[in-house]
Amino acid sequence: MTSNKDKRSVDHLSPDQVYVTQQKGTEAPFSGDLLYNKDKGTYVCVCCDQALFDSDTKFDSGTGWPSFYEAAKNSKINEVEDCSLSRIRTEIRCSNCDAHLGHVFNDGPTNTGKRYCNNGLCLIFIPD
C-alpha cells in the first residue's frame, strides 16, 4: 500500500488534515466519517499511505474517535511521551512520515489492553 506521493508532502491534505497531522491538532469527537465504518479493509495514513490498522481490530470505544486494539501487522507506529494538557499521555505517530495520529491508552477491550484512539482525519480506509 505504498504510493508515489512524497511522504513529507502535505499538498494533498485539507487544512483540517494539516492541522491534525502536522500541528498535533484534534478533530471534534463524533465528527469523522470513519467512526461508524464497519466494512472490512485497512486504515492507512492520510499523508503517506502506510498501513496502520486492520478493520478486524476496530471497536466502538464510545469516545467519538476511531479506536483500535492493535496496529496492523508489519505496521510501525511510533509512541512519544506527550505532556500537554497538564498530564502525561502517549502520542502515536506514523513511523513512515511522522504524522500525528492520536494517542494510545491502556484501557482497551482485549488482551492487548490497548486503545489506539485516532483522529479520523488522519486515516484513509481501503476496503478489501
N, C-alpha and C. Protein backbone atom coordinates (compact mmCIF):
# COMPACT_ATOMS: atom_id res chain seq x y z
N MET A 1 0.82 -1.19 0.00
CA MET A 1 0.00 0.00 0.00
C MET A 1 0.86 1.24 0.00
N THR A 2 1.81 1.28 -0.85
CA THR A 2 2.63 2.48 -0.95
C THR A 2 2.18 3.28 -2.15
N SER A 3 2.58 4.50 -2.18
CA SER A 3 2.23 5.36 -3.30
C SER A 3 3.46 6.13 -3.73
N ASN A 4 3.30 6.89 -4.79
CA ASN A 4 4.40 7.70 -5.28
C ASN A 4 4.41 9.08 -4.64
N LYS A 5 3.53 9.30 -3.68
CA LYS A 5 3.48 10.59 -3.00
C LYS A 5 4.76 10.81 -2.22
N ASP A 6 5.21 12.05 -2.19
CA ASP A 6 6.32 12.42 -1.31
C ASP A 6 5.81 12.28 0.12
N LYS A 7 6.48 11.46 0.92
CA LYS A 7 5.97 11.19 2.25
C LYS A 7 5.94 12.42 3.15
N ARG A 8 6.65 13.46 2.82
CA ARG A 8 6.65 14.69 3.61
C ARG A 8 5.69 15.75 3.04
N SER A 9 5.16 15.52 1.86
CA SER A 9 4.29 16.49 1.22
C SER A 9 2.93 16.52 1.90
N VAL A 10 2.40 17.71 2.08
CA VAL A 10 1.06 17.84 2.62
C VAL A 10 0.14 18.58 1.64
N ASP A 11 0.60 18.73 0.40
CA ASP A 11 -0.17 19.46 -0.61
C ASP A 11 -1.54 18.85 -0.88
N HIS A 12 -1.66 17.55 -0.70
CA HIS A 12 -2.91 16.86 -0.99
C HIS A 12 -3.89 16.86 0.19
N LEU A 13 -3.50 17.45 1.31
CA LEU A 13 -4.33 17.43 2.51
C LEU A 13 -5.22 18.66 2.62
N SER A 14 -6.37 18.49 3.27
CA SER A 14 -7.24 19.62 3.57
C SER A 14 -6.60 20.43 4.71
N PRO A 15 -7.03 21.67 4.91
CA PRO A 15 -6.49 22.45 6.04
C PRO A 15 -6.70 21.75 7.39
N ASP A 16 -7.84 21.08 7.58
CA ASP A 16 -8.08 20.36 8.83
C ASP A 16 -7.11 19.19 8.98
N GLN A 17 -6.83 18.48 7.90
CA GLN A 17 -5.88 17.37 7.96
C GLN A 17 -4.47 17.86 8.27
N VAL A 18 -4.09 19.00 7.70
CA VAL A 18 -2.78 19.58 8.02
C VAL A 18 -2.72 19.95 9.49
N TYR A 19 -3.77 20.57 10.00
CA TYR A 19 -3.82 20.96 11.41
C TYR A 19 -3.63 19.74 12.33
N VAL A 20 -4.34 18.66 12.03
CA VAL A 20 -4.26 17.47 12.90
C VAL A 20 -2.93 16.74 12.73
N THR A 21 -2.53 16.46 11.50
CA THR A 21 -1.35 15.62 11.28
C THR A 21 -0.03 16.35 11.50
N GLN A 22 0.02 17.64 11.22
CA GLN A 22 1.28 18.37 11.29
C GLN A 22 1.41 19.26 12.52
N GLN A 23 0.28 19.64 13.12
CA GLN A 23 0.30 20.55 14.27
C GLN A 23 -0.26 19.91 15.53
N LYS A 24 -0.42 18.59 15.51
CA LYS A 24 -0.91 17.82 16.65
C LYS A 24 -2.29 18.27 17.11
N GLY A 25 -3.12 18.63 16.16
CA GLY A 25 -4.48 19.03 16.48
C GLY A 25 -5.36 17.84 16.76
N THR A 26 -6.60 18.13 17.13
CA THR A 26 -7.59 17.09 17.39
C THR A 26 -8.90 17.49 16.73
N GLU A 27 -9.48 16.54 16.01
CA GLU A 27 -10.79 16.82 15.41
C GLU A 27 -11.87 16.68 16.49
N ALA A 28 -13.00 17.29 16.26
CA ALA A 28 -14.10 17.20 17.21
C ALA A 28 -14.58 15.76 17.33
N PRO A 29 -14.92 15.31 18.54
CA PRO A 29 -15.42 13.94 18.68
C PRO A 29 -16.73 13.76 17.92
N PHE A 30 -16.95 12.55 17.44
CA PHE A 30 -18.16 12.15 16.70
C PHE A 30 -18.34 12.91 15.39
N SER A 31 -17.25 13.48 14.85
CA SER A 31 -17.36 14.26 13.62
C SER A 31 -16.82 13.54 12.39
N GLY A 32 -16.06 12.48 12.57
CA GLY A 32 -15.40 11.83 11.45
C GLY A 32 -16.26 10.82 10.72
N ASP A 33 -16.06 10.73 9.41
CA ASP A 33 -16.79 9.78 8.59
C ASP A 33 -16.43 8.33 8.89
N LEU A 34 -15.23 8.08 9.38
CA LEU A 34 -14.77 6.70 9.60
C LEU A 34 -15.19 6.13 10.95
N LEU A 35 -15.74 6.94 11.81
CA LEU A 35 -16.09 6.49 13.15
C LEU A 35 -17.01 5.28 13.13
N TYR A 36 -18.02 5.30 12.30
CA TYR A 36 -19.01 4.23 12.28
C TYR A 36 -18.79 3.20 11.17
N ASN A 37 -17.69 3.32 10.46
CA ASN A 37 -17.40 2.38 9.37
C ASN A 37 -17.19 0.97 9.93
N LYS A 38 -17.92 -0.01 9.39
CA LYS A 38 -17.79 -1.40 9.83
C LYS A 38 -17.34 -2.31 8.69
N ASP A 39 -16.96 -1.72 7.55
CA ASP A 39 -16.52 -2.51 6.41
C ASP A 39 -15.16 -3.13 6.68
N LYS A 40 -14.87 -4.22 5.97
CA LYS A 40 -13.58 -4.91 6.10
C LYS A 40 -12.55 -4.20 5.22
N GLY A 41 -11.36 -4.01 5.76
CA GLY A 41 -10.30 -3.36 4.99
C GLY A 41 -9.18 -2.89 5.89
N THR A 42 -8.41 -1.95 5.37
CA THR A 42 -7.23 -1.44 6.05
C THR A 42 -7.31 0.08 6.15
N TYR A 43 -6.90 0.59 7.29
CA TYR A 43 -6.82 2.03 7.50
C TYR A 43 -5.37 2.44 7.30
N VAL A 44 -5.16 3.42 6.41
CA VAL A 44 -3.80 3.86 6.08
C VAL A 44 -3.63 5.33 6.45
N CYS A 45 -2.38 5.75 6.55
CA CYS A 45 -2.05 7.14 6.87
C CYS A 45 -2.46 8.05 5.72
N VAL A 46 -3.13 9.14 6.02
CA VAL A 46 -3.58 10.09 5.01
C VAL A 46 -2.42 10.81 4.34
N CYS A 47 -1.28 10.88 5.01
CA CYS A 47 -0.13 11.58 4.45
C CYS A 47 0.72 10.72 3.53
N CYS A 48 0.93 9.44 3.89
CA CYS A 48 1.90 8.63 3.14
C CYS A 48 1.38 7.26 2.71
N ASP A 49 0.16 6.92 3.04
CA ASP A 49 -0.47 5.64 2.65
C ASP A 49 0.10 4.41 3.37
N GLN A 50 0.87 4.59 4.43
CA GLN A 50 1.35 3.42 5.17
C GLN A 50 0.17 2.76 5.89
N ALA A 51 0.08 1.43 5.81
CA ALA A 51 -0.95 0.68 6.53
C ALA A 51 -0.75 0.87 8.03
N LEU A 52 -1.83 1.20 8.73
CA LEU A 52 -1.75 1.44 10.17
C LEU A 52 -2.59 0.46 10.98
N PHE A 53 -3.84 0.22 10.56
CA PHE A 53 -4.75 -0.61 11.32
C PHE A 53 -5.61 -1.46 10.39
N ASP A 54 -5.93 -2.68 10.84
CA ASP A 54 -6.86 -3.55 10.14
C ASP A 54 -8.25 -3.36 10.75
N SER A 55 -9.27 -3.47 9.90
CA SER A 55 -10.64 -3.28 10.37
C SER A 55 -11.03 -4.30 11.44
N ASP A 56 -10.40 -5.47 11.43
CA ASP A 56 -10.72 -6.51 12.43
C ASP A 56 -10.40 -6.08 13.85
N THR A 57 -9.55 -5.07 14.02
CA THR A 57 -9.16 -4.63 15.36
C THR A 57 -9.87 -3.33 15.78
N LYS A 58 -10.80 -2.88 14.96
CA LYS A 58 -11.55 -1.65 15.27
C LYS A 58 -12.68 -1.99 16.24
N PHE A 59 -12.93 -1.09 17.18
CA PHE A 59 -14.04 -1.28 18.12
C PHE A 59 -14.64 0.06 18.50
N ASP A 60 -15.86 0.02 19.01
CA ASP A 60 -16.56 1.23 19.44
C ASP A 60 -16.15 1.52 20.88
N SER A 61 -15.29 2.51 21.03
CA SER A 61 -14.80 2.87 22.37
C SER A 61 -15.74 3.84 23.08
N GLY A 62 -16.70 4.42 22.34
CA GLY A 62 -17.61 5.39 22.92
C GLY A 62 -17.00 6.77 23.09
N THR A 63 -15.77 6.95 22.60
CA THR A 63 -15.06 8.22 22.80
C THR A 63 -15.34 9.24 21.70
N GLY A 64 -15.82 8.76 20.54
CA GLY A 64 -16.07 9.67 19.42
C GLY A 64 -14.98 9.69 18.38
N TRP A 65 -13.95 8.87 18.55
CA TRP A 65 -12.87 8.76 17.58
C TRP A 65 -12.67 7.30 17.21
N PRO A 66 -12.24 7.02 15.97
CA PRO A 66 -11.97 5.63 15.58
C PRO A 66 -10.91 5.02 16.52
N SER A 67 -11.23 3.84 17.05
CA SER A 67 -10.34 3.19 18.02
C SER A 67 -10.04 1.76 17.59
N PHE A 68 -8.82 1.33 17.88
CA PHE A 68 -8.33 0.01 17.50
C PHE A 68 -7.58 -0.57 18.69
N TYR A 69 -7.58 -1.91 18.82
CA TYR A 69 -6.86 -2.51 19.94
C TYR A 69 -5.47 -2.99 19.58
N GLU A 70 -5.10 -2.95 18.31
CA GLU A 70 -3.70 -3.20 17.92
C GLU A 70 -3.44 -2.65 16.54
N ALA A 71 -2.16 -2.39 16.27
CA ALA A 71 -1.75 -1.87 14.96
C ALA A 71 -1.73 -3.00 13.95
N ALA A 72 -1.79 -2.65 12.67
CA ALA A 72 -1.74 -3.63 11.59
C ALA A 72 -0.41 -4.38 11.63
N LYS A 73 -0.44 -5.62 11.19
CA LYS A 73 0.80 -6.39 11.11
C LYS A 73 1.77 -5.68 10.18
N ASN A 74 3.04 -5.69 10.53
CA ASN A 74 4.11 -5.02 9.78
C ASN A 74 4.00 -3.50 9.81
N SER A 75 3.08 -2.97 10.59
CA SER A 75 2.95 -1.53 10.73
C SER A 75 3.83 -1.08 11.89
N LYS A 76 4.36 0.07 11.74
CA LYS A 76 5.15 0.63 12.83
C LYS A 76 4.58 1.98 13.19
N ILE A 77 4.09 2.06 14.39
CA ILE A 77 3.56 3.30 14.92
C ILE A 77 4.49 3.74 16.04
N ASN A 78 5.01 4.93 15.93
CA ASN A 78 5.89 5.45 16.96
C ASN A 78 5.07 5.98 18.12
N GLU A 79 5.54 5.72 19.32
CA GLU A 79 4.91 6.23 20.53
C GLU A 79 5.83 7.26 21.17
N VAL A 80 5.27 8.43 21.49
CA VAL A 80 6.04 9.55 22.01
C VAL A 80 5.34 10.09 23.25
N GLU A 81 6.11 10.35 24.32
CA GLU A 81 5.52 10.93 25.51
C GLU A 81 4.97 12.32 25.20
N ASP A 82 3.75 12.58 25.64
CA ASP A 82 3.06 13.85 25.41
C ASP A 82 2.66 14.42 26.77
N CYS A 83 3.26 15.54 27.13
CA CYS A 83 2.99 16.16 28.44
C CYS A 83 2.07 17.37 28.33
N SER A 84 1.38 17.52 27.22
CA SER A 84 0.45 18.64 27.08
C SER A 84 -0.80 18.38 27.92
N LEU A 85 -1.59 19.36 28.07
CA LEU A 85 -2.85 19.28 28.83
C LEU A 85 -2.64 18.90 30.30
N SER A 86 -1.47 19.22 30.84
CA SER A 86 -1.16 19.02 32.27
C SER A 86 -1.24 17.57 32.72
N ARG A 87 -0.99 16.64 31.78
CA ARG A 87 -0.94 15.22 32.14
C ARG A 87 -0.05 14.49 31.14
N ILE A 88 0.40 13.32 31.51
CA ILE A 88 1.25 12.54 30.62
C ILE A 88 0.39 11.55 29.84
N ARG A 89 0.52 11.62 28.53
CA ARG A 89 -0.17 10.69 27.63
C ARG A 89 0.86 10.15 26.66
N THR A 90 0.46 9.16 25.86
CA THR A 90 1.34 8.61 24.84
C THR A 90 0.77 8.94 23.47
N GLU A 91 1.44 9.81 22.76
CA GLU A 91 1.05 10.19 21.41
C GLU A 91 1.45 9.08 20.45
N ILE A 92 0.64 8.87 19.41
CA ILE A 92 1.00 7.93 18.35
C ILE A 92 1.21 8.70 17.06
N ARG A 93 2.31 8.31 16.35
CA ARG A 93 2.71 8.96 15.12
C ARG A 93 3.02 7.90 14.07
N CYS A 94 2.76 8.21 12.82
CA CYS A 94 3.12 7.31 11.73
C CYS A 94 4.64 7.18 11.68
N SER A 95 5.13 5.95 11.66
CA SER A 95 6.58 5.75 11.65
C SER A 95 7.21 6.09 10.31
N ASN A 96 6.41 6.17 9.26
CA ASN A 96 6.96 6.48 7.94
C ASN A 96 7.11 7.98 7.72
N CYS A 97 6.09 8.75 8.07
CA CYS A 97 6.11 10.19 7.75
C CYS A 97 6.01 11.09 8.98
N ASP A 98 5.86 10.51 10.16
CA ASP A 98 5.81 11.24 11.43
C ASP A 98 4.53 12.04 11.63
N ALA A 99 3.47 11.70 10.90
CA ALA A 99 2.19 12.39 11.09
C ALA A 99 1.60 12.06 12.45
N HIS A 100 1.05 13.06 13.11
CA HIS A 100 0.32 12.85 14.37
C HIS A 100 -0.97 12.10 14.05
N LEU A 101 -1.24 11.03 14.80
CA LEU A 101 -2.45 10.22 14.59
C LEU A 101 -3.44 10.38 15.73
N GLY A 102 -2.94 10.44 16.94
CA GLY A 102 -3.79 10.49 18.13
C GLY A 102 -2.99 10.06 19.33
N HIS A 103 -3.62 9.23 20.20
CA HIS A 103 -2.97 8.76 21.42
C HIS A 103 -3.34 7.30 21.66
N VAL A 104 -2.49 6.61 22.41
CA VAL A 104 -2.78 5.24 22.81
C VAL A 104 -2.95 5.22 24.33
N PHE A 105 -3.95 4.47 24.77
CA PHE A 105 -4.27 4.36 26.19
C PHE A 105 -4.28 2.88 26.59
N ASN A 106 -4.09 2.61 27.86
CA ASN A 106 -4.05 1.24 28.36
C ASN A 106 -5.40 0.81 28.93
N ASP A 107 -6.47 1.07 28.19
CA ASP A 107 -7.80 0.67 28.64
C ASP A 107 -8.59 -0.01 27.52
N GLY A 108 -7.89 -0.72 26.67
CA GLY A 108 -8.52 -1.41 25.54
C GLY A 108 -9.30 -2.64 25.96
N PRO A 109 -10.14 -3.15 25.06
CA PRO A 109 -11.10 -4.20 25.41
C PRO A 109 -10.58 -5.63 25.30
N THR A 110 -9.36 -5.84 24.84
CA THR A 110 -8.87 -7.20 24.63
C THR A 110 -7.62 -7.45 25.44
N ASN A 111 -7.01 -8.60 25.20
CA ASN A 111 -5.80 -8.94 25.94
C ASN A 111 -4.64 -8.00 25.65
N THR A 112 -4.71 -7.22 24.56
CA THR A 112 -3.65 -6.23 24.32
C THR A 112 -3.73 -5.10 25.34
N GLY A 113 -4.94 -4.84 25.83
CA GLY A 113 -5.13 -3.76 26.79
C GLY A 113 -4.95 -2.37 26.19
N LYS A 114 -4.82 -2.28 24.87
CA LYS A 114 -4.55 -1.01 24.20
C LYS A 114 -5.81 -0.44 23.55
N ARG A 115 -5.88 0.89 23.54
CA ARG A 115 -6.89 1.62 22.77
C ARG A 115 -6.15 2.69 21.99
N TYR A 116 -5.93 2.40 20.70
CA TYR A 116 -5.32 3.38 19.80
C TYR A 116 -6.44 4.31 19.35
N CYS A 117 -6.48 5.49 19.90
CA CYS A 117 -7.54 6.46 19.66
C CYS A 117 -7.04 7.44 18.59
N ASN A 118 -7.62 7.35 17.40
CA ASN A 118 -7.12 8.09 16.24
C ASN A 118 -8.07 9.20 15.82
N ASN A 119 -7.49 10.27 15.31
CA ASN A 119 -8.28 11.26 14.60
C ASN A 119 -8.65 10.64 13.25
N GLY A 120 -9.92 10.64 12.91
CA GLY A 120 -10.34 10.07 11.64
C GLY A 120 -9.76 10.80 10.45
N LEU A 121 -9.45 12.10 10.62
CA LEU A 121 -8.85 12.88 9.54
C LEU A 121 -7.47 12.39 9.15
N CYS A 122 -6.85 11.58 10.00
CA CYS A 122 -5.50 11.06 9.74
C CYS A 122 -5.54 9.77 8.94
N LEU A 123 -6.72 9.23 8.75
CA LEU A 123 -6.86 7.91 8.16
C LEU A 123 -7.60 7.92 6.84
N ILE A 124 -7.23 6.99 5.97
CA ILE A 124 -7.98 6.68 4.76
C ILE A 124 -8.33 5.22 4.85
N PHE A 125 -9.57 4.86 4.54
CA PHE A 125 -9.99 3.47 4.57
C PHE A 125 -9.87 2.87 3.17
N ILE A 126 -9.20 1.73 3.09
CA ILE A 126 -9.05 0.99 1.84
C ILE A 126 -9.83 -0.31 2.01
N PRO A 127 -10.97 -0.47 1.33
CA PRO A 127 -11.75 -1.70 1.50
C PRO A 127 -11.03 -2.91 0.92
N ASP A 128 -11.30 -4.10 1.50
CA ASP A 128 -10.73 -5.35 0.98
C ASP A 128 -11.28 -5.62 -0.40
